[in-house]
Amino acid sequence: MTSQTFYFPESKIRSPYQNLAIEEAISLNMNKFNLMGGVRLWRNPRTIVLGLSENPKLTIKEHIIDRFVNGKHELTKNRDFASDFTYIARRASGGGTVFHDPSGNINYSIYVNLELRKELFSVKDSYDILLGIVRKSLAKQLIASESKGKSDITITEDGILKKISGNAQFRKKNCIVQHGTLILQNRLIDEVSEVLLHPPEEPDYRKARNHRDFLTSLPNSFDVQTFGKDLFDEFHSYLNTDLSQSKEDFSFFSRGFSSFRRSVLKDSENIRKQKYESLSYILNREVIP
């Protein structure tokens, strides 16, 4: 390896099932390859993503579920995504149901080896630290934000606190994976209102506000690629590791990570087929043995 950390840049849009399988495959391989951590940016096609324990009937409007079940729910690597179809997926992390759109939001992930960063064992401390890294990255683009609830990031808009990011975690093989989403366009909020019900549980600061009154987007000046670079820099600042190498040396797609990359992508294919594309797992959280 050329580094103990990797950066998985935004690339072609994959199916939500492949994206979630990659998240899990990275967690299963990171310690095996003696990596300290990594950062990833990624996008989904139009997709509702359930938290691990969420009941879709309590969070998703019934006609959206019916259309998904009666339509083509399986997505393969051909990336032939229907722009007018809403896919449904279930992730390995907890938290609430969210809506993804290829241009309306960007997803980010932070991976850390818990054997090397034991201060993250506490769930509360890990959220405080990792959300802090994201907030510092936003501040580089002059976006002042706060952490609210268990794992939300908010900004103040016209004197009102609004959510721009929800985050969730899962842990496997002594690796912590924290992923979150940032809203890029206000139109996404209208689409959230069209497909999702009011959540069965909400943080106190929401105060029963509907989706349109509770959520907001980042300013039009926000640059995703700059955010990715800043997130990786802030991650290294937290780890107190050397960033003097060429940025290309840290890339998940570089030669130095070829063995790690092959193992992640191979494992993700099996996980995608056996777990994330399973209708039983998506709708009922039942995993095929």
C-alpha atoms as a PDB file:
ATOM      1  CA  MET A   1       0.000   0.000   0.000  1.00  0.00           C
ATOM      2  CA  THR A   2       1.146   3.549  -0.691  1.00  0.00           C
ATOM      3  CA  SER A   3      -0.782   4.891   2.295  1.00  0.00           C
ATOM      4  CA  GLN A   4      -2.767   3.839   5.331  1.00  0.00           C
ATOM      5  CA  THR A   5      -5.738   5.845   4.089  1.00  0.00           C
ATOM      6  CA  PHE A   6      -7.653   5.881   0.815  1.00  0.00           C
ATOM      7  CA  TYR A   7      -9.926   8.255  -1.048  1.00  0.00           C
ATOM      8  CA  PHE A   8     -12.759   6.751  -3.121  1.00  0.00           C
ATOM      9  CA  PRO A   9     -13.749   9.634  -5.427  1.00  0.00           C
ATOM     10  CA  GLU A  10     -17.150  10.154  -6.938  1.00  0.00           C
ATOM     11  CA  SER A  11     -17.382   8.015 -10.063  1.00  0.00           C
ATOM     12  CA  LYS A  12     -20.072   6.549 -12.315  1.00  0.00           C
ATOM     13  CA  ILE A  13     -23.505   6.145 -10.741  1.00  0.00           C
ATOM     14  CA  ARG A  14     -23.937   2.582  -9.504  1.00  0.00           C
ATOM     15  CA  SER A  15     -27.130   0.842  -8.455  1.00  0.00           C
ATOM     16  CA  PRO A  16     -28.123   1.491  -4.833  1.00  0.00           C
ATOM     17  CA  TYR A  17     -27.619  -2.201  -4.119  1.00  0.00           C
ATOM     18  CA  GLN A  18     -24.081  -2.138  -5.454  1.00  0.00           C
ATOM     19  CA  ASN A  19     -23.312   1.085  -3.573  1.00  0.00           C
ATOM     20  CA  LEU A  20     -24.506  -0.365  -0.267  1.00  0.00           C
ATOM     21  CA  ALA A  21     -22.668  -3.623  -0.910  1.00  0.00           C
ATOM     22  CA  ILE A  22     -19.453  -1.659  -1.492  1.00  0.00           C
ATOM     23  CA  GLU A  23     -19.955   0.066   1.861  1.00  0.00           C
ATOM     24  CA  GLU A  24     -20.128  -3.290   3.620  1.00  0.00           C
ATOM     25  CA  ALA A  25     -17.306  -4.843   1.580  1.00  0.00           C
ATOM     26  CA  ILE A  26     -14.968  -1.996   2.512  1.00  0.00           C
ATOM     27  CA  SER A  27     -15.711  -2.591   6.200  1.00  0.00           C
ATOM     28  CA  LEU A  28     -14.937  -6.298   5.821  1.00  0.00           C
ATOM     29  CA  ASN A  29     -11.631  -5.702   4.039  1.00  0.00           C
ATOM     30  CA  MET A  30     -10.147  -2.623   5.616  1.00  0.00           C
ATOM     31  CA  ASN A  31      -8.511  -4.220   8.646  1.00  0.00           C
ATOM     32  CA  LYS A  32      -7.459  -7.242   6.585  1.00  0.00           C
ATOM     33  CA  PHE A  33      -5.333  -4.866   4.504  1.00  0.00           C
ATOM     34  CA  ASN A  34      -4.136  -2.949   7.583  1.00  0.00           C
ATOM     35  CA  LEU A  35      -5.668   0.371   6.535  1.00  0.00           C
ATOM     36  CA  MET A  36      -6.372   3.143   9.011  1.00  0.00           C
ATOM     37  CA  GLY A  37      -9.350   4.608   7.198  1.00  0.00           C
ATOM     38  CA  GLY A  38     -10.825   6.208   4.121  1.00  0.00           C
ATOM     39  CA  VAL A  39     -13.331   8.625   2.615  1.00  0.00           C
ATOM     40  CA  ARG A  40     -15.800   8.051  -0.212  1.00  0.00           C
ATOM     41  CA  LEU A  41     -18.192  10.195  -2.282  1.00  0.00           C
ATOM     42  CA  TRP A  42     -21.037   8.466  -4.146  1.00  0.00           C
ATOM     43  CA  ARG A  43     -24.452   8.943  -5.719  1.00  0.00           C
ATOM     44  CA  ASN A  44     -27.515   6.759  -6.186  1.00  0.00           C
ATOM     45  CA  PRO A  45     -30.180   6.795  -8.862  1.00  0.00           C
ATOM     46  CA  ARG A  46     -33.612   7.865  -7.619  1.00  0.00           C
ATOM     47  CA  THR A  47     -33.835   5.702  -4.481  1.00  0.00           C
ATOM     48  CA  ILE A  48     -35.479   5.475  -1.067  1.00  0.00           C
ATOM     49  CA  VAL A  49     -33.024   3.997   1.432  1.00  0.00           C
ATOM     50  CA  LEU A  50     -34.440   2.437   4.591  1.00  0.00           C
ATOM     51  CA  GLY A  51     -32.528   2.301   7.849  1.00  0.00           C
ATOM     52  CA  LEU A  52     -31.756  -1.219   9.043  1.00  0.00           C
ATOM     53  CA  SER A  53     -34.791  -1.529  11.338  1.00  0.00           C
ATOM     54  CA  GLU A  54     -37.259   0.666   9.456  1.00  0.00           C
ATOM     55  CA  ASN A  55     -40.704  -0.645   8.494  1.00  0.00           C
ATOM     56  CA  PRO A  56     -41.328   0.607   4.934  1.00  0.00           C
ATOM     57  CA  LYS A  57     -45.077   0.810   5.520  1.00  0.00           C
ATOM     58  CA  LEU A  58     -44.489   3.404   8.250  1.00  0.00           C
ATOM     59  CA  THR A  59     -42.112   5.599   6.266  1.00  0.00           C
ATOM     60  CA  ILE A  60     -42.909   5.216   2.541  1.00  0.00           C
ATOM     61  CA  LYS A  61     -46.173   6.093   0.807  1.00  0.00           C
ATOM     62  CA  GLU A  62     -48.101   2.968  -0.143  1.00  0.00           C
ATOM     63  CA  HIS A  63     -48.306   3.589  -3.898  1.00  0.00           C
ATOM     64  CA  ILE A  64     -44.517   3.959  -4.074  1.00  0.00           C
ATOM     65  CA  ILE A  65     -44.030   0.556  -2.410  1.00  0.00           C
ATOM     66  CA  ASP A  66     -46.633  -1.053  -4.665  1.00  0.00           C
ATOM     67  CA  ARG A  67     -45.024   0.311  -7.813  1.00  0.00           C
ATOM     68  CA  PHE A  68     -41.598  -0.864  -6.688  1.00  0.00           C
ATOM     69  CA  VAL A  69     -42.809  -4.387  -5.856  1.00  0.00           C
ATOM     70  CA  ASN A  70     -44.733  -4.703  -9.111  1.00  0.00           C
ATOM     71  CA  GLY A  71     -41.954  -3.181 -11.209  1.00  0.00           C
ATOM     72  CA  LYS A  72     -38.368  -4.109 -11.851  1.00  0.00           C
ATOM     73  CA  HIS A  73     -36.669  -3.995  -8.462  1.00  0.00           C
ATOM     74  CA  GLU A  74     -33.487  -5.819  -9.440  1.00  0.00           C
ATOM     75  CA  LEU A  75     -30.670  -3.598 -10.639  1.00  0.00           C
ATOM     76  CA  THR A  76     -27.624  -5.002 -12.336  1.00  0.00           C
ATOM     77  CA  LYS A  77     -24.352  -3.414 -13.328  1.00  0.00           C
ATOM     78  CA  ASN A  78     -25.703  -2.193 -16.666  1.00  0.00           C
ATOM     79  CA  ARG A  79     -26.784   1.061 -14.935  1.00  0.00           C
ATOM     80  CA  ASP A  80     -29.917   1.310 -17.065  1.00  0.00           C
ATOM     81  CA  PHE A  81     -31.773   3.304 -14.420  1.00  0.00           C
ATOM     82  CA  ALA A  82     -35.310   4.493 -15.041  1.00  0.00           C
ATOM     83  CA  SER A  83     -35.507   8.222 -14.244  1.00  0.00           C
ATOM     84  CA  ASP A  84     -39.221   8.013 -13.435  1.00  0.00           C
ATOM     85  CA  PHE A  85     -38.978   4.983 -11.137  1.00  0.00           C
ATOM     86  CA  THR A  86     -38.228   5.070  -7.408  1.00  0.00           C
ATOM     87  CA  TYR A  87     -36.084   2.182  -6.214  1.00  0.00           C
ATOM     88  CA  ILE A  88     -36.174   1.023  -2.603  1.00  0.00           C
ATOM     89  CA  ALA A  89     -33.145  -0.311  -0.733  1.00  0.00           C
ATOM     90  CA  ARG A  90     -32.180  -1.109   2.867  1.00  0.00           C
ATOM     91  CA  ARG A  91     -28.773  -0.196   4.286  1.00  0.00           C
ATOM     92  CA  ALA A  92     -26.742  -1.883   7.043  1.00  0.00           C
ATOM     93  CA  SER A  93     -26.836   1.171   9.299  1.00  0.00           C
ATOM     94  CA  GLY A  94     -29.632   2.380  11.563  1.00  0.00           C
ATOM     95  CA  GLY A  95     -31.417   5.704  11.443  1.00  0.00           C
ATOM     96  CA  GLY A  96     -34.353   6.890   9.410  1.00  0.00           C
ATOM     97  CA  THR A  97     -35.505   6.541   5.830  1.00  0.00           C
ATOM     98  CA  VAL A  98     -33.939   8.915   3.286  1.00  0.00           C
ATOM     99  CA  PHE A  99     -34.394   9.784  -0.371  1.00  0.00           C
ATOM    100  CA  HIS A 100     -31.499   9.928  -2.849  1.00  0.00           C
ATOM    101  CA  ASP A 101     -31.407  11.459  -6.304  1.00  0.00           C
ATOM    102  CA  PRO A 102     -28.386  11.583  -8.655  1.00  0.00           C
ATOM    103  CA  SER A 103     -28.334  15.387  -8.889  1.00  0.00           C
ATOM    104  CA  GLY A 104     -30.321  16.386  -5.811  1.00  0.00           C
ATOM    105  CA  ASN A 105     -27.879  15.109  -3.198  1.00  0.00           C
ATOM    106  CA  ILE A 106     -24.391  13.721  -2.668  1.00  0.00           C
ATOM    107  CA  ASN A 107     -23.498  10.904  -0.266  1.00  0.00           C
ATOM    108  CA  TYR A 108     -20.270  10.686   1.697  1.00  0.00           C
ATOM    109  CA  SER A 109     -18.754   7.923   3.826  1.00  0.00           C
ATOM    110  CA  ILE A 110     -15.996   7.861   6.430  1.00  0.00           C
ATOM    111  CA  TYR A 111     -14.328   4.551   7.338  1.00  0.00           C
ATOM    112  CA  VAL A 112     -12.101   4.141  10.390  1.00  0.00           C
ATOM    113  CA  ASN A 113     -10.170   1.182  11.820  1.00  0.00           C
ATOM    114  CA  LEU A 114     -11.427   0.932  15.407  1.00  0.00           C
ATOM    115  CA  GLU A 115      -8.383  -1.055  16.455  1.00  0.00           C
ATOM    116  CA  LEU A 116      -6.269   2.000  15.691  1.00  0.00           C
ATOM    117  CA  ARG A 117      -8.706   4.718  16.854  1.00  0.00           C
ATOM    118  CA  LYS A 118     -10.179   3.413  20.090  1.00  0.00           C
ATOM    119  CA  GLU A 119     -11.657   6.823  21.006  1.00  0.00           C
ATOM    120  CA  LEU A 120     -14.404   6.023  18.477  1.00  0.00           C
ATOM    121  CA  PHE A 121     -15.729   2.973  20.341  1.00  0.00           C
ATOM    122  CA  SER A 122     -18.307   5.144  22.109  1.00  0.00           C
ATOM    123  CA  VAL A 123     -21.167   5.761  19.657  1.00  0.00           C
ATOM    124  CA  LYS A 124     -21.783   9.286  20.969  1.00  0.00           C
ATOM    125  CA  ASP A 125     -18.095  10.202  20.851  1.00  0.00           C
ATOM    126  CA  SER A 126     -17.743   8.766  17.367  1.00  0.00           C
ATOM    127  CA  TYR A 127     -20.633  10.870  16.076  1.00  0.00           C
ATOM    128  CA  ASP A 128     -19.217  13.991  17.744  1.00  0.00           C
ATOM    129  CA  ILE A 129     -15.803  13.435  16.164  1.00  0.00           C
ATOM    130  CA  LEU A 130     -16.881  12.332  12.685  1.00  0.00           C
ATOM    131  CA  LEU A 131     -19.669  14.909  12.321  1.00  0.00           C
ATOM    132  CA  GLY A 132     -17.100  17.470  13.392  1.00  0.00           C
ATOM    133  CA  ILE A 133     -14.914  16.464  10.445  1.00  0.00           C
ATOM    134  CA  VAL A 134     -17.834  16.977   8.050  1.00  0.00           C
ATOM    135  CA  ARG A 135     -18.734  20.337   9.593  1.00  0.00           C
ATOM    136  CA  LYS A 136     -15.143  21.578   9.336  1.00  0.00           C
ATOM    137  CA  SER A 137     -15.176  20.567   5.671  1.00  0.00           C
ATOM    138  CA  LEU A 138     -18.369  22.556   5.099  1.00  0.00           C
ATOM    139  CA  ALA A 139     -16.813  25.532   6.884  1.00  0.00           C
ATOM    140  CA  LYS A 140     -14.066  25.599   4.259  1.00  0.00           C
ATOM    141  CA  GLN A 141     -16.820  26.769   1.883  1.00  0.00           C
ATOM    142  CA  LEU A 142     -18.078  29.276   4.481  1.00  0.00           C
ATOM    143  CA  ILE A 143     -21.047  27.110   5.496  1.00  0.00           C
ATOM    144  CA  ALA A 144     -21.652  27.433   9.235  1.00  0.00           C
ATOM    145  CA  SER A 145     -23.354  24.313  10.597  1.00  0.00           C
ATOM    146  CA  GLU A 146     -24.330  22.631  13.860  1.00  0.00           C
ATOM    147  CA  SER A 147     -24.777  19.045  15.034  1.00  0.00           C
ATOM    148  CA  LYS A 148     -28.322  18.375  16.229  1.00  0.00           C
ATOM    149  CA  GLY A 149     -30.242  15.317  17.362  1.00  0.00           C
ATOM    150  CA  LYS A 150     -28.237  12.106  17.367  1.00  0.00           C
ATOM    151  CA  SER A 151     -26.572  12.506  13.998  1.00  0.00           C
ATOM    152  CA  ASP A 152     -27.958  15.439  11.983  1.00  0.00           C
ATOM    153  CA  ILE A 153     -26.146  18.454  10.585  1.00  0.00           C
ATOM    154  CA  THR A 154     -28.135  21.681  10.392  1.00  0.00           C
ATOM    155  CA  ILE A 155     -27.773  25.254   9.184  1.00  0.00           C
ATOM    156  CA  THR A 156     -29.716  28.347  10.178  1.00  0.00           C
ATOM    157  CA  GLU A 157     -31.875  29.768   7.401  1.00  0.00           C
ATOM    158  CA  ASP A 158     -33.753  33.028   8.034  1.00  0.00           C
ATOM    159  CA  GLY A 159     -33.309  32.451  11.762  1.00  0.00           C
ATOM    160  CA  ILE A 160     -34.743  28.915  11.586  1.00  0.00           C
ATOM    161  CA  LEU A 161     -32.751  25.715  12.192  1.00  0.00           C
ATOM    162  CA  LYS A 162     -33.048  23.354   9.206  1.00  0.00           C
ATOM    163  CA  LYS A 163     -31.533  19.970   8.393  1.00  0.00           C
ATOM    164  CA  ILE A 164     -29.091  19.573   5.506  1.00  0.00           C
ATOM    165  CA  SER A 165     -27.600  16.189   6.393  1.00  0.00           C
ATOM    166  CA  GLY A 166     -28.596  12.954   8.112  1.00  0.00           C
ATOM    167  CA  ASN A 167     -25.964  10.395   9.153  1.00  0.00           C
ATOM    168  CA  ALA A 168     -25.912   6.776  10.282  1.00  0.00           C
ATOM    169  CA  GLN A 169     -23.350   4.156  11.312  1.00  0.00           C
ATOM    170  CA  PHE A 170     -22.642   0.470  11.224  1.00  0.00           C
ATOM    171  CA  ARG A 171     -19.645  -1.505  12.485  1.00  0.00           C
ATOM    172  CA  LYS A 172     -18.169  -4.725  11.131  1.00  0.00           C
ATOM    173  CA  LYS A 173     -14.769  -6.410  11.572  1.00  0.00           C
ATOM    174  CA  ASN A 174     -13.577  -3.581  13.867  1.00  0.00           C
ATOM    175  CA  CYS A 175     -14.332  -1.018  11.186  1.00  0.00           C
ATOM    176  CA  ILE A 176     -16.733   1.857  11.721  1.00  0.00           C
ATOM    177  CA  VAL A 177     -18.621   3.114   8.673  1.00  0.00           C
ATOM    178  CA  GLN A 178     -20.395   6.440   8.994  1.00  0.00           C
ATOM    179  CA  HIS A 179     -22.264   7.642   5.949  1.00  0.00           C
ATOM    180  CA  GLY A 180     -24.437  10.649   5.344  1.00  0.00           C
ATOM    181  CA  THR A 181     -26.155  12.668   2.666  1.00  0.00           C
ATOM    182  CA  LEU A 182     -26.045  16.366   1.780  1.00  0.00           C
ATOM    183  CA  ILE A 183     -28.995  18.037   0.053  1.00  0.00           C
ATOM    184  CA  LEU A 184     -27.813  19.955  -3.017  1.00  0.00           C
ATOM    185  CA  GLN A 185     -31.089  21.125  -4.576  1.00  0.00           C
ATOM    186  CA  ASN A 186     -34.342  22.343  -3.036  1.00  0.00           C
ATOM    187  CA  ARG A 187     -36.379  20.365  -5.561  1.00  0.00           C
ATOM    188  CA  LEU A 188     -35.231  17.209  -3.750  1.00  0.00           C
ATOM    189  CA  ILE A 189     -37.277  18.299  -0.725  1.00  0.00           C
ATOM    190  CA  ASP A 190     -40.457  18.447  -2.815  1.00  0.00           C
ATOM    191  CA  GLU A 191     -39.725  14.929  -4.037  1.00  0.00           C
ATOM    192  CA  VAL A 192     -39.151  13.736  -0.464  1.00  0.00           C
ATOM    193  CA  SER A 193     -42.637  15.017   0.368  1.00  0.00           C
ATOM    194  CA  GLU A 194     -44.063  13.078  -2.571  1.00  0.00           C
ATOM    195  CA  VAL A 195     -42.627   9.687  -1.613  1.00  0.00           C
ATOM    196  CA  LEU A 196     -42.087   9.658   2.182  1.00  0.00           C
ATOM    197  CA  LEU A 197     -44.504   9.832   5.081  1.00  0.00           C
ATOM    198  CA  HIS A 198     -43.811  11.909   8.174  1.00  0.00           C
ATOM    199  CA  PRO A 199     -41.236   9.832  10.118  1.00  0.00           C
ATOM    200  CA  PRO A 200     -42.572   7.759  13.045  1.00  0.00           C
ATOM    201  CA  GLU A 201     -39.731   9.114  15.208  1.00  0.00           C
ATOM    202  CA  GLU A 202     -38.146  12.550  15.030  1.00  0.00           C
ATOM    203  CA  PRO A 203     -35.554  14.625  16.925  1.00  0.00           C
ATOM    204  CA  ASP A 204     -36.882  17.202  19.368  1.00  0.00           C
ATOM    205  CA  TYR A 205     -35.655  20.120  17.294  1.00  0.00           C
ATOM    206  CA  ARG A 206     -37.865  19.086  14.358  1.00  0.00           C
ATOM    207  CA  LYS A 207     -40.977  20.095  16.358  1.00  0.00           C
ATOM    208  CA  ALA A 208     -43.370  18.171  14.059  1.00  0.00           C
ATOM    209  CA  ARG A 209     -42.415  20.280  11.029  1.00  0.00           C
ATOM    210  CA  ASN A 210     -43.222  18.764   7.648  1.00  0.00           C
ATOM    211  CA  HIS A 211     -40.459  17.883   5.191  1.00  0.00           C
ATOM    212  CA  ARG A 212     -40.621  21.224   3.363  1.00  0.00           C
ATOM    213  CA  ASP A 213     -40.337  23.245   6.579  1.00  0.00           C
ATOM    214  CA  PHE A 214     -37.684  21.028   8.186  1.00  0.00           C
ATOM    215  CA  LEU A 215     -35.225  20.393   5.337  1.00  0.00           C
ATOM    216  CA  THR A 216     -33.144  22.755   3.235  1.00  0.00           C
ATOM    217  CA  SER A 217     -30.390  22.583   0.639  1.00  0.00           C
ATOM    218  CA  LEU A 218     -26.844  23.847   0.516  1.00  0.00           C
ATOM    219  CA  PRO A 219     -26.190  27.125  -1.351  1.00  0.00           C
ATOM    220  CA  ASN A 220     -25.773  27.012  -5.123  1.00  0.00           C
ATOM    221  CA  SER A 221     -22.128  27.970  -4.661  1.00  0.00           C
ATOM    222  CA  PHE A 222     -21.387  24.663  -2.897  1.00  0.00           C
ATOM    223  CA  ASP A 223     -18.877  22.586  -4.868  1.00  0.00           C
ATOM    224  CA  VAL A 224     -18.959  18.807  -4.406  1.00  0.00           C
ATOM    225  CA  GLN A 225     -15.408  18.136  -5.599  1.00  0.00           C
ATOM    226  CA  THR A 226     -14.007  20.792  -3.282  1.00  0.00           C
ATOM    227  CA  PHE A 227     -15.972  19.278  -0.419  1.00  0.00           C
ATOM    228  CA  GLY A 228     -14.512  15.837  -1.149  1.00  0.00           C
ATOM    229  CA  LYS A 229     -10.977  17.208  -1.084  1.00  0.00           C
ATOM    230  CA  ASP A 230     -11.645  19.161   2.113  1.00  0.00           C
ATOM    231  CA  LEU A 231     -13.269  16.135   3.765  1.00  0.00           C
ATOM    232  CA  PHE A 232     -10.201  14.013   3.027  1.00  0.00           C
ATOM    233  CA  ASP A 233      -7.885  16.764   4.285  1.00  0.00           C
ATOM    234  CA  GLU A 234      -9.868  17.177   7.514  1.00  0.00           C
ATOM    235  CA  PHE A 235      -9.942  13.419   7.976  1.00  0.00           C
ATOM    236  CA  HIS A 236      -6.151  13.369   7.761  1.00  0.00           C
ATOM    237  CA  SER A 237      -5.932  16.276  10.167  1.00  0.00           C
ATOM    238  CA  TYR A 238      -7.944  14.263  12.687  1.00  0.00           C
ATOM    239  CA  LEU A 239      -5.760  11.179  12.145  1.00  0.00           C
ATOM    240  CA  ASN A 240      -2.613  13.327  12.312  1.00  0.00           C
ATOM    241  CA  THR A 241      -1.196  11.479   9.311  1.00  0.00           C
ATOM    242  CA  ASP A 242       1.025  12.584   6.449  1.00  0.00           C
ATOM    243  CA  LEU A 243      -0.607  14.124   3.371  1.00  0.00           C
ATOM    244  CA  SER A 244       2.626  15.035   1.604  1.00  0.00           C
ATOM    245  CA  GLN A 245       2.177  12.365  -1.087  1.00  0.00           C
ATOM    246  CA  SER A 246       0.501  13.067  -4.393  1.00  0.00           C
ATOM    247  CA  LYS A 247      -3.295  12.982  -4.100  1.00  0.00           C
ATOM    248  CA  GLU A 248      -3.364  10.296  -6.792  1.00  0.00           C
ATOM    249  CA  ASP A 249      -1.442   7.948  -4.474  1.00  0.00           C
ATOM    250  CA  PHE A 250      -4.380   7.922  -2.070  1.00  0.00           C
ATOM    251  CA  SER A 251      -6.967   7.051  -4.721  1.00  0.00           C
ATOM    252  CA  PHE A 252      -8.940   3.840  -4.306  1.00  0.00           C
ATOM    253  CA  PHE A 253      -8.320   3.330  -8.039  1.00  0.00           C
ATOM    254  CA  SER A 254      -4.533   3.735  -7.851  1.00  0.00           C
ATOM    255  CA  ARG A 255      -2.075   0.901  -8.366  1.00  0.00           C
ATOM    256  CA  GLY A 256      -1.136   0.922  -4.680  1.00  0.00           C
ATOM    257  CA  PHE A 257      -4.647  -0.162  -3.691  1.00  0.00           C
ATOM    258  CA  SER A 258      -5.145  -2.749  -6.438  1.00  0.00           C
ATOM    259  CA  SER A 259      -5.308  -5.780  -4.106  1.00  0.00           C
ATOM    260  CA  PHE A 260      -7.637  -4.010  -1.688  1.00  0.00           C
ATOM    261  CA  ARG A 261      -9.812  -2.773  -4.550  1.00  0.00           C
ATOM    262  CA  ARG A 262     -10.096  -6.226  -6.156  1.00  0.00           C
ATOM    263  CA  SER A 263     -11.075  -7.779  -2.837  1.00  0.00           C
ATOM    264  CA  VAL A 264     -13.659  -5.078  -2.097  1.00  0.00           C
ATOM    265  CA  LEU A 265     -15.286  -5.275  -5.523  1.00  0.00           C
ATOM    266  CA  LYS A 266     -15.307  -9.081  -5.508  1.00  0.00           C
ATOM    267  CA  ASP A 267     -16.901  -9.262  -2.053  1.00  0.00           C
ATOM    268  CA  SER A 268     -19.382  -6.529  -2.943  1.00  0.00           C
ATOM    269  CA  GLU A 269     -20.702  -8.579  -5.866  1.00  0.00           C
ATOM    270  CA  ASN A 270     -21.532 -11.501  -3.586  1.00  0.00           C
ATOM    271  CA  ILE A 271     -23.053  -9.254  -0.922  1.00  0.00           C
ATOM    272  CA  ARG A 272     -25.107  -7.377  -3.504  1.00  0.00           C
ATOM    273  CA  LYS A 273     -26.625 -10.539  -4.967  1.00  0.00           C
ATOM    274  CA  GLN A 274     -27.202 -12.397  -1.702  1.00  0.00           C
ATOM    275  CA  LYS A 275     -28.342  -9.502   0.469  1.00  0.00           C
ATOM    276  CA  TYR A 276     -29.004  -6.036  -0.891  1.00  0.00           C
ATOM    277  CA  GLU A 277     -30.923  -7.089  -4.010  1.00  0.00           C
ATOM    278  CA  SER A 278     -33.101  -9.497  -2.033  1.00  0.00           C
ATOM    279  CA  LEU A 279     -36.696  -8.306  -1.891  1.00  0.00           C
ATOM    280  CA  SER A 280     -37.062 -10.076   1.477  1.00  0.00           C
ATOM    281  CA  TYR A 281     -34.173  -8.058   2.896  1.00  0.00           C
ATOM    282  CA  ILE A 282     -35.354  -4.784   1.385  1.00  0.00           C
ATOM    283  CA  LEU A 283     -38.935  -5.005   2.635  1.00  0.00           C
ATOM    284  CA  ASN A 284     -38.701  -7.293   5.653  1.00  0.00           C
ATOM    285  CA  ARG A 285     -35.009  -7.281   6.721  1.00  0.00           C
ATOM    286  CA  GLU A 286     -34.734 -11.024   6.064  1.00  0.00           C
ATOM    287  CA  VAL A 287     -31.306 -12.112   4.836  1.00  0.00           C
ATOM    288  CA  ILE A 288     -30.995 -15.162   2.585  1.00  0.00           C
ATOM    289  CA  PRO A 289     -28.489 -17.594   4.230  1.00  0.00           C
END
